[in-house]
Amino acid sequence: RVVGCSSDDPPQRLGQYLISRGRLTPEQLRD
């Protein structure tokens, strides 16, 4: 089973993913 996942590609990091989905603002990510 897949139990973990990661990427070193900055646009694919969790924070950028959440911004692209409208769940975070860039300011919230910085904080």
PDB file of all heavy atoms in Angstrom:
ATOM      1  N   ARG A   1       0.848  -1.206   0.000  1.00  0.00           N
ATOM      2  CA  ARG A   1       0.000   0.000   0.000  1.00  0.00           C
ATOM      3  C   ARG A   1       0.877   1.247   0.000  1.00  0.00           C
ATOM      4  O   ARG A   1       1.950   1.255   0.592  1.00  0.00           O
ATOM      5  CB  ARG A   1      -0.912   0.012   1.228  1.00  0.00           C
ATOM      6  CG  ARG A   1      -1.961  -1.082   1.220  1.00  0.00           C
ATOM      7  CD  ARG A   1      -2.866  -1.012   2.431  1.00  0.00           C
ATOM      8  NE  ARG A   1      -3.686   0.190   2.442  1.00  0.00           N
ATOM      9  CZ  ARG A   1      -4.857   0.324   1.830  1.00  0.00           C
ATOM     10  NH1 ARG A   1      -5.337  -0.674   1.119  1.00  0.00           N
ATOM     11  NH2 ARG A   1      -5.549   1.440   1.913  1.00  0.00           N
ATOM     12  N   VAL A   2       0.407   2.289  -0.641  1.00  0.00           N
ATOM     13  CA  VAL A   2       1.118   3.568  -0.633  1.00  0.00           C
ATOM     14  C   VAL A   2       0.835   4.243   0.707  1.00  0.00           C
ATOM     15  O   VAL A   2      -0.318   4.502   1.049  1.00  0.00           O
ATOM     16  CB  VAL A   2       0.655   4.470  -1.801  1.00  0.00           C
ATOM     17  CG1 VAL A   2       1.300   5.843  -1.702  1.00  0.00           C
ATOM     18  CG2 VAL A   2       0.996   3.819  -3.142  1.00  0.00           C
ATOM     19  N   VAL A   3       1.919   4.499   1.471  1.00  0.00           N
ATOM     20  CA  VAL A   3       1.752   5.085   2.799  1.00  0.00           C
ATOM     21  C   VAL A   3       2.467   6.426   2.953  1.00  0.00           C
ATOM     22  O   VAL A   3       2.352   7.075   3.984  1.00  0.00           O
ATOM     23  CB  VAL A   3       2.208   4.111   3.913  1.00  0.00           C
ATOM     24  CG1 VAL A   3       1.340   2.874   3.937  1.00  0.00           C
ATOM     25  CG2 VAL A   3       3.681   3.752   3.767  1.00  0.00           C
ATOM     26  N   GLY A   4       3.195   6.840   1.927  1.00  0.00           N
ATOM     27  CA  GLY A   4       3.881   8.118   1.983  1.00  0.00           C
ATOM     28  C   GLY A   4       4.259   8.580   0.597  1.00  0.00           C
ATOM     29  O   GLY A   4       4.402   7.771  -0.316  1.00  0.00           O
ATOM     30  N   CYS A   5       4.390   9.889   0.451  1.00  0.00           N
ATOM     31  CA  CYS A   5       4.680  10.450  -0.860  1.00  0.00           C
ATOM     32  C   CYS A   5       5.364  11.801  -0.672  1.00  0.00           C
ATOM     33  O   CYS A   5       5.031  12.546   0.253  1.00  0.00           O
ATOM     34  CB  CYS A   5       3.366  10.619  -1.616  1.00  0.00           C
ATOM     35  SG  CYS A   5       3.577  10.872  -3.362  1.00  0.00           S
ATOM     36  N   SER A   6       6.327  12.099  -1.556  1.00  0.00           N
ATOM     37  CA  SER A   6       7.034  13.367  -1.473  1.00  0.00           C
ATOM     38  C   SER A   6       7.642  13.708  -2.830  1.00  0.00           C
ATOM     39  O   SER A   6       7.834  12.826  -3.666  1.00  0.00           O
ATOM     40  CB  SER A   6       8.139  13.275  -0.419  1.00  0.00           C
ATOM     41  OG  SER A   6       8.805  14.500  -0.273  1.00  0.00           O
ATOM     42  N   SER A   7       7.950  14.976  -3.019  1.00  0.00           N
ATOM     43  CA  SER A   7       8.601  15.453  -4.229  1.00  0.00           C
ATOM     44  C   SER A   7       9.507  16.615  -3.850  1.00  0.00           C
ATOM     45  O   SER A   7       9.177  17.386  -2.944  1.00  0.00           O
ATOM     46  CB  SER A   7       7.553  15.926  -5.241  1.00  0.00           C
ATOM     47  OG  SER A   7       8.178  16.550  -6.349  1.00  0.00           O
ATOM     48  N   ASP A   8      10.636  16.742  -4.542  1.00  0.00           N
ATOM     49  CA  ASP A   8      11.500  17.890  -4.286  1.00  0.00           C
ATOM     50  C   ASP A   8      11.244  19.016  -5.294  1.00  0.00           C
ATOM     51  O   ASP A   8      11.980  19.988  -5.337  1.00  0.00           O
ATOM     52  CB  ASP A   8      12.975  17.494  -4.255  1.00  0.00           C
ATOM     53  CG  ASP A   8      13.514  16.994  -5.582  1.00  0.00           C
ATOM     54  OD1 ASP A   8      12.764  16.969  -6.583  1.00  0.00           O
ATOM     55  OD2 ASP A   8      14.699  16.608  -5.620  1.00  0.00           O
ATOM     56  N   ASP A   9      10.186  18.899  -6.078  1.00  0.00           N
ATOM     57  CA  ASP A   9       9.798  19.926  -7.041  1.00  0.00           C
ATOM     58  C   ASP A   9       8.984  20.986  -6.300  1.00  0.00           C
ATOM     59  O   ASP A   9       7.868  20.704  -5.848  1.00  0.00           O
ATOM     60  CB  ASP A   9       8.972  19.286  -8.157  1.00  0.00           C
ATOM     61  CG  ASP A   9       8.682  20.236  -9.297  1.00  0.00           C
ATOM     62  OD1 ASP A   9       9.302  21.317  -9.362  1.00  0.00           O
ATOM     63  OD2 ASP A   9       7.832  19.889 -10.141  1.00  0.00           O
ATOM     64  N   PRO A  10       9.516  22.212  -6.125  1.00  0.00           N
ATOM     65  CA  PRO A  10       8.824  23.224  -5.314  1.00  0.00           C
ATOM     66  C   PRO A  10       7.347  23.455  -5.664  1.00  0.00           C
ATOM     67  O   PRO A  10       6.523  23.556  -4.758  1.00  0.00           O
ATOM     68  CB  PRO A  10       9.661  24.490  -5.521  1.00  0.00           C
ATOM     69  CG  PRO A  10      11.032  23.965  -5.797  1.00  0.00           C
ATOM     70  CD  PRO A  10      10.802  22.701  -6.606  1.00  0.00           C
ATOM     71  N   PRO A  11       6.957  23.509  -6.957  1.00  0.00           N
ATOM     72  CA  PRO A  11       5.531  23.718  -7.238  1.00  0.00           C
ATOM     73  C   PRO A  11       4.642  22.563  -6.767  1.00  0.00           C
ATOM     74  O   PRO A  11       3.434  22.725  -6.659  1.00  0.00           O
ATOM     75  CB  PRO A  11       5.467  23.845  -8.762  1.00  0.00           C
ATOM     76  CG  PRO A  11       6.842  24.203  -9.185  1.00  0.00           C
ATOM     77  CD  PRO A  11       7.756  23.567  -8.176  1.00  0.00           C
ATOM     78  N   GLN A  12       5.237  21.406  -6.495  1.00  0.00           N
ATOM     79  CA  GLN A  12       4.444  20.262  -6.069  1.00  0.00           C
ATOM     80  C   GLN A  12       4.463  20.056  -4.560  1.00  0.00           C
ATOM     81  O   GLN A  12       3.938  19.068  -4.068  1.00  0.00           O
ATOM     82  CB  GLN A  12       4.929  18.996  -6.775  1.00  0.00           C
ATOM     83  CG  GLN A  12       4.680  19.052  -8.248  1.00  0.00           C
ATOM     84  CD  GLN A  12       4.878  17.701  -8.898  1.00  0.00           C
ATOM     85  OE1 GLN A  12       5.355  16.761  -8.311  1.00  0.00           O
ATOM     86  NE2 GLN A  12       4.474  17.625 -10.145  1.00  0.00           N
ATOM     87  N   ARG A  13       5.034  20.964  -3.836  1.00  0.00           N
ATOM     88  CA  ARG A  13       5.060  20.853  -2.381  1.00  0.00           C
ATOM     89  C   ARG A  13       3.665  21.148  -1.837  1.00  0.00           C
ATOM     90  O   ARG A  13       2.829  21.779  -2.490  1.00  0.00           O
ATOM     91  CB  ARG A  13       6.090  21.814  -1.792  1.00  0.00           C
ATOM     92  CG  ARG A  13       7.512  21.642  -2.333  1.00  0.00           C
ATOM     93  CD  ARG A  13       8.160  20.370  -1.945  1.00  0.00           C
ATOM     94  NE  ARG A  13       8.378  20.343  -0.515  1.00  0.00           N
ATOM     95  CZ  ARG A  13       8.982  19.367   0.125  1.00  0.00           C
ATOM     96  NH1 ARG A  13       9.439  18.345  -0.522  1.00  0.00           N
ATOM     97  NH2 ARG A  13       9.139  19.411   1.414  1.00  0.00           N
ATOM     98  N   LEU A  14       3.403  20.706  -0.620  1.00  0.00           N
ATOM     99  CA  LEU A  14       2.077  20.819  -0.025  1.00  0.00           C
ATOM    100  C   LEU A  14       1.560  22.254   0.001  1.00  0.00           C
ATOM    101  O   LEU A  14       0.410  22.513  -0.354  1.00  0.00           O
ATOM    102  CB  LEU A  14       2.078  20.236   1.394  1.00  0.00           C
ATOM    103  CG  LEU A  14       0.755  20.348   2.162  1.00  0.00           C
ATOM    104  CD1 LEU A  14      -0.359  19.593   1.449  1.00  0.00           C
ATOM    105  CD2 LEU A  14       0.935  19.843   3.588  1.00  0.00           C
ATOM    106  N   GLY A  15       2.391  23.187   0.404  1.00  0.00           N
ATOM    107  CA  GLY A  15       1.943  24.579   0.496  1.00  0.00           C
ATOM    108  C   GLY A  15       1.472  25.128  -0.837  1.00  0.00           C
ATOM    109  O   GLY A  15       0.413  25.767  -0.931  1.00  0.00           O
ATOM    110  N   GLN A  16       2.235  24.893  -1.892  1.00  0.00           N
ATOM    111  CA  GLN A  16       1.844  25.360  -3.223  1.00  0.00           C
ATOM    112  C   GLN A  16       0.583  24.660  -3.704  1.00  0.00           C
ATOM    113  O   GLN A  16      -0.272  25.270  -4.363  1.00  0.00           O
ATOM    114  CB  GLN A  16       2.990  25.150  -4.219  1.00  0.00           C
ATOM    115  CG  GLN A  16       4.191  26.019  -3.940  1.00  0.00           C
ATOM    116  CD  GLN A  16       3.855  27.492  -3.962  1.00  0.00           C
ATOM    117  OE1 GLN A  16       3.112  27.977  -4.808  1.00  0.00           O
ATOM    118  NE2 GLN A  16       4.378  28.223  -2.989  1.00  0.00           N
ATOM    119  N   TYR A  17       0.474  23.384  -3.378  1.00  0.00           N
ATOM    120  CA  TYR A  17      -0.738  22.634  -3.726  1.00  0.00           C
ATOM    121  C   TYR A  17      -1.965  23.288  -3.076  1.00  0.00           C
ATOM    122  O   TYR A  17      -2.990  23.503  -3.731  1.00  0.00           O
ATOM    123  CB  TYR A  17      -0.593  21.177  -3.277  1.00  0.00           C
ATOM    124  CG  TYR A  17      -1.846  20.359  -3.476  1.00  0.00           C
ATOM    125  CD1 TYR A  17      -2.132  19.779  -4.697  1.00  0.00           C
ATOM    126  CD2 TYR A  17      -2.749  20.178  -2.429  1.00  0.00           C
ATOM    127  CE1 TYR A  17      -3.281  19.035  -4.879  1.00  0.00           C
ATOM    128  CE2 TYR A  17      -3.899  19.431  -2.602  1.00  0.00           C
ATOM    129  CZ  TYR A  17      -4.163  18.862  -3.830  1.00  0.00           C
ATOM    130  OH  TYR A  17      -5.304  18.137  -4.005  1.00  0.00           O
ATOM    131  N   LEU A  18      -1.866  23.629  -1.803  1.00  0.00           N
ATOM    132  CA  LEU A  18      -2.999  24.230  -1.087  1.00  0.00           C
ATOM    133  C   LEU A  18      -3.321  25.631  -1.617  1.00  0.00           C
ATOM    134  O   LEU A  18      -4.494  26.008  -1.689  1.00  0.00           O
ATOM    135  CB  LEU A  18      -2.722  24.260   0.417  1.00  0.00           C
ATOM    136  CG  LEU A  18      -2.679  22.879   1.081  1.00  0.00           C
ATOM    137  CD1 LEU A  18      -2.165  22.991   2.511  1.00  0.00           C
ATOM    138  CD2 LEU A  18      -4.040  22.206   1.038  1.00  0.00           C
ATOM    139  N   ILE A  19      -2.310  26.386  -2.014  1.00  0.00           N
ATOM    140  CA  ILE A  19      -2.562  27.699  -2.626  1.00  0.00           C
ATOM    141  C   ILE A  19      -3.297  27.514  -3.948  1.00  0.00           C
ATOM    142  O   ILE A  19      -4.276  28.219  -4.225  1.00  0.00           O
ATOM    143  CB  ILE A  19      -1.237  28.478  -2.829  1.00  0.00           C
ATOM    144  CG1 ILE A  19      -0.719  28.981  -1.483  1.00  0.00           C
ATOM    145  CG2 ILE A  19      -1.446  29.650  -3.793  1.00  0.00           C
ATOM    146  CD1 ILE A  19       0.649  29.628  -1.553  1.00  0.00           C
ATOM    147  N   SER A  20      -2.852  26.554  -4.759  1.00  0.00           N
ATOM    148  CA  SER A  20      -3.485  26.343  -6.068  1.00  0.00           C
ATOM    149  C   SER A  20      -4.933  25.887  -5.928  1.00  0.00           C
ATOM    150  O   SER A  20      -5.726  26.061  -6.852  1.00  0.00           O
ATOM    151  CB  SER A  20      -2.689  25.338  -6.895  1.00  0.00           C
ATOM    152  OG  SER A  20      -2.842  24.024  -6.397  1.00  0.00           O
ATOM    153  N   ARG A  21      -5.278  25.310  -4.796  1.00  0.00           N
ATOM    154  CA  ARG A  21      -6.651  24.854  -4.551  1.00  0.00           C
ATOM    155  C   ARG A  21      -7.484  25.890  -3.810  1.00  0.00           C
ATOM    156  O   ARG A  21      -8.618  25.637  -3.441  1.00  0.00           O
ATOM    157  CB  ARG A  21      -6.657  23.543  -3.742  1.00  0.00           C
ATOM    158  CG  ARG A  21      -5.975  22.358  -4.415  1.00  0.00           C
ATOM    159  CD  ARG A  21      -6.653  22.034  -5.738  1.00  0.00           C
ATOM    160  NE  ARG A  21      -6.127  20.865  -6.397  1.00  0.00           N
ATOM    161  CZ  ARG A  21      -5.090  20.840  -7.224  1.00  0.00           C
ATOM    162  NH1 ARG A  21      -4.405  21.931  -7.446  1.00  0.00           N
ATOM    163  NH2 ARG A  21      -4.724  19.732  -7.825  1.00  0.00           N
ATOM    164  N   GLY A  22      -6.896  27.058  -3.551  1.00  0.00           N
ATOM    165  CA  GLY A  22      -7.624  28.120  -2.872  1.00  0.00           C
ATOM    166  C   GLY A  22      -7.800  27.894  -1.381  1.00  0.00           C
ATOM    167  O   GLY A  22      -8.625  28.551  -0.742  1.00  0.00           O
ATOM    168  N   ARG A  23      -7.032  26.991  -0.796  1.00  0.00           N
ATOM    169  CA  ARG A  23      -7.152  26.683   0.630  1.00  0.00           C
ATOM    170  C   ARG A  23      -6.235  27.545   1.486  1.00  0.00           C
ATOM    171  O   ARG A  23      -6.423  27.634   2.691  1.00  0.00           O
ATOM    172  CB  ARG A  23      -6.862  25.206   0.885  1.00  0.00           C
ATOM    173  CG  ARG A  23      -7.864  24.273   0.265  1.00  0.00           C
ATOM    174  CD  ARG A  23      -9.235  24.400   0.879  1.00  0.00           C
ATOM    175  NE  ARG A  23      -9.114  24.037   2.285  1.00  0.00           N
ATOM    176  CZ  ARG A  23      -9.901  24.464   3.253  1.00  0.00           C
ATOM    177  NH1 ARG A  23     -10.881  25.269   2.979  1.00  0.00           N
ATOM    178  NH2 ARG A  23      -9.711  24.095   4.486  1.00  0.00           N
ATOM    179  N   LEU A  24      -5.218  28.148   0.874  1.00  0.00           N
ATOM    180  CA  LEU A  24      -4.280  29.019   1.578  1.00  0.00           C
ATOM    181  C   LEU A  24      -3.965  30.222   0.712  1.00  0.00           C
ATOM    182  O   LEU A  24      -4.013  30.132  -0.510  1.00  0.00           O
ATOM    183  CB  LEU A  24      -2.935  28.312   1.815  1.00  0.00           C
ATOM    184  CG  LEU A  24      -2.760  27.282   2.893  1.00  0.00           C
ATOM    185  CD1 LEU A  24      -1.297  26.834   2.930  1.00  0.00           C
ATOM    186  CD2 LEU A  24      -3.190  27.774   4.240  1.00  0.00           C
ATOM    187  N   THR A  25      -3.615  31.301   1.363  1.00  0.00           N
ATOM    188  CA  THR A  25      -3.071  32.449   0.650  1.00  0.00           C
ATOM    189  C   THR A  25      -1.547  32.374   0.747  1.00  0.00           C
ATOM    190  O   THR A  25      -1.009  31.694   1.631  1.00  0.00           O
ATOM    191  CB  THR A  25      -3.547  33.779   1.278  1.00  0.00           C
ATOM    192  OG1 THR A  25      -2.989  33.880   2.599  1.00  0.00           O
ATOM    193  CG2 THR A  25      -5.080  33.861   1.324  1.00  0.00           C
ATOM    194  N   PRO A  26      -0.843  33.080  -0.135  1.00  0.00           N
ATOM    195  CA  PRO A  26       0.619  33.094  -0.009  1.00  0.00           C
ATOM    196  C   PRO A  26       1.089  33.599   1.365  1.00  0.00           C
ATOM    197  O   PRO A  26       2.071  33.097   1.906  1.00  0.00           O
ATOM    198  CB  PRO A  26       1.062  34.029  -1.135  1.00  0.00           C
ATOM    199  CG  PRO A  26      -0.019  33.898  -2.168  1.00  0.00           C
ATOM    200  CD  PRO A  26      -1.293  33.755  -1.367  1.00  0.00           C
ATOM    201  N   GLU A  27       0.365  34.557   1.938  1.00  0.00           N
ATOM    202  CA  GLU A  27       0.740  35.079   3.254  1.00  0.00           C
ATOM    203  C   GLU A  27       0.574  34.008   4.330  1.00  0.00           C
ATOM    204  O   GLU A  27       1.416  33.867   5.221  1.00  0.00           O
ATOM    205  CB  GLU A  27      -0.107  36.312   3.610  1.00  0.00           C
ATOM    206  CG  GLU A  27       0.115  37.502   2.700  1.00  0.00           C
ATOM    207  CD  GLU A  27      -0.594  37.369   1.332  1.00  0.00           C
ATOM    208  OE1 GLU A  27      -1.579  36.619   1.194  1.00  0.00           O
ATOM    209  OE2 GLU A  27      -0.112  38.012   0.388  1.00  0.00           O
ATOM    210  N   GLN A  28      -0.515  33.247   4.257  1.00  0.00           N
ATOM    211  CA  GLN A  28      -0.725  32.178   5.232  1.00  0.00           C
ATOM    212  C   GLN A  28       0.353  31.108   5.102  1.00  0.00           C
ATOM    213  O   GLN A  28       0.838  30.589   6.111  1.00  0.00           O
ATOM    214  CB  GLN A  28      -2.115  31.551   5.047  1.00  0.00           C
ATOM    215  CG  GLN A  28      -3.248  32.465   5.453  1.00  0.00           C
ATOM    216  CD  GLN A  28      -4.610  31.921   5.034  1.00  0.00           C
ATOM    217  OE1 GLN A  28      -4.763  31.329   3.961  1.00  0.00           O
ATOM    218  NE2 GLN A  28      -5.609  32.141   5.887  1.00  0.00           N
ATOM    219  N   LEU A  29       0.746  30.817   3.874  1.00  0.00           N
ATOM    220  CA  LEU A  29       1.809  29.840   3.677  1.00  0.00           C
ATOM    221  C   LEU A  29       3.115  30.347   4.268  1.00  0.00           C
ATOM    222  O   LEU A  29       3.822  29.601   4.944  1.00  0.00           O
ATOM    223  CB  LEU A  29       1.989  29.508   2.193  1.00  0.00           C
ATOM    224  CG  LEU A  29       3.155  28.566   1.865  1.00  0.00           C
ATOM    225  CD1 LEU A  29       3.019  27.234   2.608  1.00  0.00           C
ATOM    226  CD2 LEU A  29       3.249  28.335   0.360  1.00  0.00           C
ATOM    227  N   ARG A  30       3.447  31.609   4.040  1.00  0.00           N
ATOM    228  CA  ARG A  30       4.674  32.177   4.615  1.00  0.00           C
ATOM    229  C   ARG A  30       4.661  32.062   6.140  1.00  0.00           C
ATOM    230  O   ARG A  30       5.651  31.673   6.761  1.00  0.00           O
ATOM    231  CB  ARG A  30       4.852  33.631   4.183  1.00  0.00           C
ATOM    232  CG  ARG A  30       5.516  33.783   2.835  1.00  0.00           C
ATOM    233  CD  ARG A  30       5.985  35.207   2.585  1.00  0.00           C
ATOM    234  NE  ARG A  30       4.876  36.144   2.445  1.00  0.00           N
ATOM    235  CZ  ARG A  30       4.183  36.341   1.319  1.00  0.00           C
ATOM    236  NH1 ARG A  30       4.488  35.663   0.235  1.00  0.00           N
ATOM    237  NH2 ARG A  30       3.215  37.221   1.282  1.00  0.00           N
ATOM    238  N   ASP A  31       3.505  32.404   6.755  1.00  0.00           N
ATOM    239  CA  ASP A  31       3.384  32.288   8.214  1.00  0.00           C
ATOM    240  C   ASP A  31       3.556  30.834   8.655  1.00  0.00           C
ATOM    241  O   ASP A  31       4.235  30.548   9.639  1.00  0.00           O
ATOM    242  CB  ASP A  31       2.030  32.816   8.696  1.00  0.00           C
ATOM    243  CG  ASP A  31       1.882  34.320   8.562  1.00  0.00           C
ATOM    244  OD1 ASP A  31       2.907  35.004   8.363  1.00  0.00           O
ATOM    245  OD2 ASP A  31       0.739  34.805   8.651  1.00  0.00           O
TER     246      ASP A  31
END
